[in-house]
Amino acid sequence: MLATGVRPGPAMNTTPTAANRTTIRTSMAPAAIGPYCQAVLVDNVLYCSGQIAIDPAVGQLIQGGIDDETDQILRNLGAVLSAAGMEYDNVVKCSVFVTDMKDYAMVNEVYARYFSEEPPARETVQVAALPAGARVEISCIAVR
């Protein structure tokens, strides 16, 4: 749909194109616990679903502190990125959800180990609750 007052010219393509869409799955990250997938690759853009600190080997939320949860989450995201042929350097945007903003500094400390140089854009928001009693969840978008 074109914006009001915009007319197609020779440089404007108004024909819809089909995107290449691929569902990404890996056993190295937890399986989805609802009606969604681990990630979807559309052309060169990877949309990763939110990860919580589930150990993929046992399918349970790990025990430990917020630093342990954040580390497990980022390892899970790394596995999904790898399954799509990408790395942390390909990440352009993260969304971080925490149940207590007091955990912000510790989440940042662990997060910086994975995204130290030229980190992606990001927001962090406090939420009332997360699935399975998790205290942090992170999703991301990556580009080849």
C-alpha atoms as a PDB file:
ATOM      1  CA  MET A   1       0.000   0.000   0.000  1.00  0.00           C
ATOM      2  CA  LEU A   2       1.380   3.389  -0.974  1.00  0.00           C
ATOM      3  CA  ALA A   3       1.336   6.403   1.283  1.00  0.00           C
ATOM      4  CA  THR A   4      -1.194   9.098   0.429  1.00  0.00           C
ATOM      5  CA  GLY A   5       0.056  11.317  -2.365  1.00  0.00           C
ATOM      6  CA  VAL A   6       2.861   8.951  -3.418  1.00  0.00           C
ATOM      7  CA  ARG A   7       2.762   7.818  -7.001  1.00  0.00           C
ATOM      8  CA  PRO A   8       4.822   4.938  -8.306  1.00  0.00           C
ATOM      9  CA  GLY A   9       7.684   6.103 -10.455  1.00  0.00           C
ATOM     10  CA  PRO A  10      10.254   4.227 -12.455  1.00  0.00           C
ATOM     11  CA  ALA A  11      12.393   3.520  -9.355  1.00  0.00           C
ATOM     12  CA  MET A  12       9.480   2.363  -7.155  1.00  0.00           C
ATOM     13  CA  ASN A  13       8.475  -1.295  -7.225  1.00  0.00           C
ATOM     14  CA  THR A  14       4.834  -1.730  -6.256  1.00  0.00           C
ATOM     15  CA  THR A  15       4.688  -5.460  -6.977  1.00  0.00           C
ATOM     16  CA  PRO A  16       4.641  -7.587  -3.828  1.00  0.00           C
ATOM     17  CA  THR A  17       7.501 -10.083  -3.642  1.00  0.00           C
ATOM     18  CA  ALA A  18       7.584 -13.358  -1.797  1.00  0.00           C
ATOM     19  CA  ALA A  19      10.195 -13.545   0.943  1.00  0.00           C
ATOM     20  CA  ASN A  20      12.179 -16.687   1.617  1.00  0.00           C
ATOM     21  CA  ARG A  21      10.962 -17.892   5.028  1.00  0.00           C
ATOM     22  CA  THR A  22      12.685 -20.702   6.923  1.00  0.00           C
ATOM     23  CA  THR A  23      11.899 -22.014  10.395  1.00  0.00           C
ATOM     24  CA  ILE A  24      15.052 -22.551  12.465  1.00  0.00           C
ATOM     25  CA  ARG A  25      15.204 -25.444  14.926  1.00  0.00           C
ATOM     26  CA  THR A  26      18.089 -26.859  16.933  1.00  0.00           C
ATOM     27  CA  SER A  27      18.346 -29.408  19.730  1.00  0.00           C
ATOM     28  CA  MET A  28      21.170 -27.286  21.198  1.00  0.00           C
ATOM     29  CA  ALA A  29      18.572 -24.780  22.482  1.00  0.00           C
ATOM     30  CA  PRO A  30      15.328 -25.467  24.343  1.00  0.00           C
ATOM     31  CA  ALA A  31      12.327 -26.458  22.280  1.00  0.00           C
ATOM     32  CA  ALA A  32       9.507 -23.941  22.179  1.00  0.00           C
ATOM     33  CA  ILE A  33       7.133 -24.285  25.141  1.00  0.00           C
ATOM     34  CA  GLY A  34       4.174 -22.887  23.206  1.00  0.00           C
ATOM     35  CA  PRO A  35       2.849 -22.399  19.680  1.00  0.00           C
ATOM     36  CA  TYR A  36       5.965 -20.709  18.281  1.00  0.00           C
ATOM     37  CA  CYS A  37       9.381 -21.696  16.938  1.00  0.00           C
ATOM     38  CA  GLN A  38      12.921 -20.941  18.090  1.00  0.00           C
ATOM     39  CA  ALA A  39      13.496 -18.563  15.179  1.00  0.00           C
ATOM     40  CA  VAL A  40      12.378 -17.594  11.708  1.00  0.00           C
ATOM     41  CA  LEU A  41      14.802 -16.608   8.961  1.00  0.00           C
ATOM     42  CA  VAL A  42      13.283 -14.270   6.373  1.00  0.00           C
ATOM     43  CA  ASP A  43      15.756 -13.660   3.571  1.00  0.00           C
ATOM     44  CA  ASN A  44      18.829 -12.456   5.531  1.00  0.00           C
ATOM     45  CA  VAL A  45      17.038 -11.441   8.749  1.00  0.00           C
ATOM     46  CA  LEU A  46      16.715 -13.830  11.689  1.00  0.00           C
ATOM     47  CA  TYR A  47      13.957 -13.238  14.251  1.00  0.00           C
ATOM     48  CA  CYS A  48      14.769 -15.209  17.425  1.00  0.00           C
ATOM     49  CA  SER A  49      12.000 -15.954  19.894  1.00  0.00           C
ATOM     50  CA  GLY A  50      12.577 -15.042  23.508  1.00  0.00           C
ATOM     51  CA  GLN A  51      14.740 -17.465  25.442  1.00  0.00           C
ATOM     52  CA  ILE A  52      14.585 -18.164  29.134  1.00  0.00           C
ATOM     53  CA  ALA A  53      17.217 -20.083  31.101  1.00  0.00           C
ATOM     54  CA  ILE A  54      16.107 -23.589  30.203  1.00  0.00           C
ATOM     55  CA  ASP A  55      18.891 -26.148  29.968  1.00  0.00           C
ATOM     56  CA  PRO A  56      18.224 -27.870  26.618  1.00  0.00           C
ATOM     57  CA  ALA A  57      19.726 -31.136  27.881  1.00  0.00           C
ATOM     58  CA  VAL A  58      17.075 -31.587  30.581  1.00  0.00           C
ATOM     59  CA  GLY A  59      14.298 -29.205  29.523  1.00  0.00           C
ATOM     60  CA  GLN A  60      14.174 -27.484  32.908  1.00  0.00           C
ATOM     61  CA  LEU A  61      14.847 -23.958  34.117  1.00  0.00           C
ATOM     62  CA  ILE A  62      18.353 -23.871  35.590  1.00  0.00           C
ATOM     63  CA  GLN A  63      18.953 -23.183  39.265  1.00  0.00           C
ATOM     64  CA  GLY A  64      21.192 -20.292  40.241  1.00  0.00           C
ATOM     65  CA  GLY A  65      21.430 -16.535  40.247  1.00  0.00           C
ATOM     66  CA  ILE A  66      20.390 -13.990  37.672  1.00  0.00           C
ATOM     67  CA  ASP A  67      23.918 -14.141  36.241  1.00  0.00           C
ATOM     68  CA  ASP A  68      23.543 -17.895  35.665  1.00  0.00           C
ATOM     69  CA  GLU A  69      20.138 -17.389  34.026  1.00  0.00           C
ATOM     70  CA  THR A  70      21.457 -14.658  31.734  1.00  0.00           C
ATOM     71  CA  ASP A  71      24.451 -16.763  30.720  1.00  0.00           C
ATOM     72  CA  GLN A  72      22.238 -19.780  29.895  1.00  0.00           C
ATOM     73  CA  ILE A  73      19.889 -17.583  27.883  1.00  0.00           C
ATOM     74  CA  LEU A  74      22.713 -16.127  25.831  1.00  0.00           C
ATOM     75  CA  ARG A  75      24.153 -19.610  25.211  1.00  0.00           C
ATOM     76  CA  ASN A  76      20.676 -20.717  24.065  1.00  0.00           C
ATOM     77  CA  LEU A  77      20.456 -17.727  21.706  1.00  0.00           C
ATOM     78  CA  GLY A  78      23.963 -18.525  20.461  1.00  0.00           C
ATOM     79  CA  ALA A  79      22.837 -22.044  19.562  1.00  0.00           C
ATOM     80  CA  VAL A  80      19.880 -20.680  17.601  1.00  0.00           C
ATOM     81  CA  LEU A  81      22.114 -18.141  15.846  1.00  0.00           C
ATOM     82  CA  SER A  82      24.564 -20.925  14.978  1.00  0.00           C
ATOM     83  CA  ALA A  83      21.766 -23.115  13.586  1.00  0.00           C
ATOM     84  CA  ALA A  84      21.000 -20.249  11.190  1.00  0.00           C
ATOM     85  CA  GLY A  85      24.682 -19.827  10.259  1.00  0.00           C
ATOM     86  CA  MET A  86      25.102 -16.656  12.315  1.00  0.00           C
ATOM     87  CA  GLU A  87      27.011 -15.439  15.370  1.00  0.00           C
ATOM     88  CA  TYR A  88      26.565 -12.840  18.099  1.00  0.00           C
ATOM     89  CA  ASP A  89      28.190 -10.265  15.779  1.00  0.00           C
ATOM     90  CA  ASN A  90      25.167 -10.606  13.472  1.00  0.00           C
ATOM     91  CA  VAL A  91      22.761  -9.451  16.200  1.00  0.00           C
ATOM     92  CA  VAL A  92      21.409  -5.944  15.565  1.00  0.00           C
ATOM     93  CA  LYS A  93      18.655  -5.754  18.220  1.00  0.00           C
ATOM     94  CA  CYS A  94      17.897  -7.407  21.556  1.00  0.00           C
ATOM     95  CA  SER A  95      14.870  -7.153  23.801  1.00  0.00           C
ATOM     96  CA  VAL A  96      15.487  -7.942  27.461  1.00  0.00           C
ATOM     97  CA  PHE A  97      12.676  -8.602  29.936  1.00  0.00           C
ATOM     98  CA  VAL A  98      13.366  -8.794  33.670  1.00  0.00           C
ATOM     99  CA  THR A  99      11.023  -9.374  36.584  1.00  0.00           C
ATOM    100  CA  ASP A 100      13.055  -7.076  38.832  1.00  0.00           C
ATOM    101  CA  MET A 101      14.929  -4.009  37.585  1.00  0.00           C
ATOM    102  CA  LYS A 102      17.318  -4.492  40.525  1.00  0.00           C
ATOM    103  CA  ASP A 103      18.848  -7.288  38.407  1.00  0.00           C
ATOM    104  CA  TYR A 104      19.691  -4.841  35.592  1.00  0.00           C
ATOM    105  CA  ALA A 105      23.380  -4.395  36.517  1.00  0.00           C
ATOM    106  CA  MET A 106      24.064  -8.141  36.762  1.00  0.00           C
ATOM    107  CA  VAL A 107      22.253  -8.838  33.484  1.00  0.00           C
ATOM    108  CA  ASN A 108      24.380  -6.118  31.865  1.00  0.00           C
ATOM    109  CA  GLU A 109      27.584  -7.609  33.255  1.00  0.00           C
ATOM    110  CA  VAL A 110      26.888 -11.013  31.692  1.00  0.00           C
ATOM    111  CA  TYR A 111      25.408  -9.515  28.500  1.00  0.00           C
ATOM    112  CA  ALA A 112      28.622  -7.507  27.939  1.00  0.00           C
ATOM    113  CA  ARG A 113      30.625 -10.765  27.747  1.00  0.00           C
ATOM    114  CA  TYR A 114      28.661 -11.730  24.630  1.00  0.00           C
ATOM    115  CA  PHE A 115      28.246  -8.274  23.073  1.00  0.00           C
ATOM    116  CA  SER A 116      31.382  -6.381  24.062  1.00  0.00           C
ATOM    117  CA  GLU A 117      32.381  -4.626  20.829  1.00  0.00           C
ATOM    118  CA  GLU A 118      29.729  -2.717  18.902  1.00  0.00           C
ATOM    119  CA  PRO A 119      26.787  -4.107  20.885  1.00  0.00           C
ATOM    120  CA  PRO A 120      23.355  -4.258  19.264  1.00  0.00           C
ATOM    121  CA  ALA A 121      20.496  -1.865  19.918  1.00  0.00           C
ATOM    122  CA  ARG A 122      18.501  -2.931  22.956  1.00  0.00           C
ATOM    123  CA  GLU A 123      15.780  -2.140  25.410  1.00  0.00           C
ATOM    124  CA  THR A 124      15.226  -3.615  28.832  1.00  0.00           C
ATOM    125  CA  VAL A 125      11.804  -3.602  30.440  1.00  0.00           C
ATOM    126  CA  GLN A 126      10.476  -4.899  33.741  1.00  0.00           C
ATOM    127  CA  VAL A 127       7.542  -7.282  33.506  1.00  0.00           C
ATOM    128  CA  ALA A 128       5.253  -8.783  36.123  1.00  0.00           C
ATOM    129  CA  ALA A 129       6.154 -12.397  35.359  1.00  0.00           C
ATOM    130  CA  LEU A 130       7.874 -14.659  32.824  1.00  0.00           C
ATOM    131  CA  PRO A 131       7.196 -18.278  31.804  1.00  0.00           C
ATOM    132  CA  ALA A 132       8.312 -21.096  34.114  1.00  0.00           C
ATOM    133  CA  GLY A 133       9.259 -18.657  36.884  1.00  0.00           C
ATOM    134  CA  ALA A 134      12.196 -17.241  34.916  1.00  0.00           C
ATOM    135  CA  ARG A 135      13.610 -13.902  36.020  1.00  0.00           C
ATOM    136  CA  VAL A 136      14.961 -12.799  32.633  1.00  0.00           C
ATOM    137  CA  GLU A 137      14.097 -13.407  28.967  1.00  0.00           C
ATOM    138  CA  ILE A 138      15.967 -12.204  25.895  1.00  0.00           C
ATOM    139  CA  SER A 139      14.970 -12.186  22.225  1.00  0.00           C
ATOM    140  CA  CYS A 140      16.963 -10.849  19.302  1.00  0.00           C
ATOM    141  CA  ILE A 141      17.063  -9.947  15.634  1.00  0.00           C
ATOM    142  CA  ALA A 142      20.149 -10.749  13.573  1.00  0.00           C
ATOM    143  CA  VAL A 143      21.156  -9.908  10.009  1.00  0.00           C
ATOM    144  CA  ARG A 144      23.595 -11.674   7.680  1.00  0.00           C
END
